[in-house]
Structure formats: C-alpha cells, structure tokens
Amino acid sequence: MNGADHCSEEKNFVQFRRKVRAAEVLSASMEQLVKAVRFSGRISVVVQNGRVLKSGYEEGFFRQREIMPGHQAEAVSEG
C-alpha cells in the first residue's frame, strides 16, 4: 500500500468513526421508517470485510391503547 492509499484509508476510517459517534448510521429512508413506527429498541448490523453478514432488531417499544371514556390506559407491548 502506498502513502496515498494509506492516507485515503485513514481519512475514510476517521469519517466512519465520526458518523458512528454522531449516530449517522442509518440511511435517510430507514431513519424515516423508525420515526414513522415510533420504534424504540436496538438495531444491530454485523459487518465483516465491508459486507453485511447479519442484521436484526430487538423491540423495546410500547404503544398506548386509545383511552375509552371511563377506562384507564393500558400499555401494550408490540412484538
């Protein structure tokens, strides 16, 4: 690897690290979807040699059922 390649790789890694720290790891469309469904939980992606091997999620969100007059609200786990 020559000096220019090493410098470029180092710059790419610095940008990668900055985006992870800034939580800029989702595409705009995925970010819109998690907002639309009000997702709260963990999304994980396993990457090896630049390729996605596996991805998944753990739900940890609750939605509030509509409150009927005279009744208390009940938290419902979606899953």
Protein backbone atom coordinates (compact mmCIF):
# COMPACT_ATOMS: atom_id res chain seq x y z
CA MET A 1 0.00 0.00 0.00
CA ASN A 2 1.49 3.33 -0.98
CA GLY A 3 1.33 6.54 1.05
CA ALA A 4 -1.65 7.98 -0.85
CA ASP A 5 -3.71 4.80 -0.35
CA HIS A 6 -2.85 4.75 3.35
CA CYS A 7 -3.83 8.42 3.73
CA SER A 8 -7.14 7.83 1.94
CA GLU A 9 -7.89 4.77 4.07
CA GLU A 10 -7.10 6.74 7.22
CA LYS A 11 -9.41 9.60 6.14
CA ASN A 12 -12.20 7.11 5.39
CA PHE A 13 -11.83 5.50 8.80
CA VAL A 14 -11.90 8.90 10.54
CA GLN A 15 -15.11 9.75 8.65
CA PHE A 16 -16.59 6.32 9.53
CA ARG A 17 -15.78 6.82 13.22
CA ARG A 18 -17.26 10.35 13.18
CA LYS A 19 -20.52 9.14 11.62
CA VAL A 20 -20.88 6.31 14.14
CA ARG A 21 -20.26 8.69 17.05
CA ALA A 22 -22.77 11.17 15.61
CA ALA A 23 -25.33 8.36 15.19
CA GLU A 24 -25.39 8.91 11.42
CA VAL A 25 -25.51 5.20 10.69
CA LEU A 26 -28.97 4.84 9.13
CA SER A 27 -29.97 5.81 5.62
CA ALA A 28 -32.48 8.66 5.40
CA SER A 29 -35.25 6.25 4.37
CA MET A 30 -34.56 3.91 7.31
CA GLU A 31 -34.50 6.84 9.70
CA GLN A 32 -37.90 7.97 8.38
CA LEU A 33 -39.31 4.46 8.90
CA VAL A 34 -38.13 4.17 12.50
CA LYS A 35 -39.67 7.58 13.20
CA ALA A 36 -42.92 6.63 11.44
CA VAL A 37 -43.40 3.48 13.53
CA ARG A 38 -42.04 5.23 16.64
CA PHE A 39 -39.53 2.42 17.08
CA SER A 40 -37.56 2.26 20.30
CA GLY A 41 -35.13 -0.56 20.58
CA ARG A 42 -31.85 -1.81 19.24
CA ILE A 43 -30.90 -2.30 15.60
CA SER A 44 -27.75 -4.32 15.06
CA VAL A 45 -25.66 -4.93 11.98
CA VAL A 46 -22.76 -7.37 11.78
CA VAL A 47 -20.18 -6.44 9.13
CA GLN A 48 -17.15 -8.44 8.03
CA ASN A 49 -14.69 -7.24 5.39
CA GLY A 50 -17.07 -4.48 4.34
CA ARG A 51 -20.07 -6.77 3.78
CA VAL A 52 -23.17 -7.05 5.93
CA LEU A 53 -23.34 -10.56 7.35
CA LYS A 54 -26.38 -10.22 9.53
CA SER A 55 -28.80 -7.60 10.77
CA GLY A 56 -31.60 -7.64 13.29
CA TYR A 57 -33.54 -5.71 15.86
CA GLU A 58 -34.73 -6.01 19.42
CA GLU A 59 -38.03 -4.34 20.11
CA GLY A 60 -38.37 -2.37 23.26
CA PHE A 61 -41.23 -0.12 22.43
CA PHE A 62 -44.69 0.23 23.86
CA ARG A 63 -47.74 1.84 22.37
CA GLN A 64 -50.55 3.31 24.39
CA ARG A 65 -54.02 1.94 23.62
CA GLU A 66 -56.65 4.56 22.97
CA ILE A 67 -58.33 5.60 26.18
CA MET A 68 -62.04 4.85 26.21
CA PRO A 69 -64.11 7.19 28.40
CA GLY A 70 -64.15 5.87 31.97
CA HIS A 71 -61.23 3.45 31.43
CA GLN A 72 -57.56 3.67 32.26
CA ALA A 73 -54.93 3.46 29.55
CA GLU A 74 -53.05 0.18 29.25
CA ALA A 75 -49.51 -0.17 27.90
CA VAL A 76 -49.35 -2.84 25.21
CA SER A 77 -46.11 -4.43 24.10
CA GLU A 78 -45.92 -4.78 20.33
CA GLY A 79 -43.95 -7.78 19.29
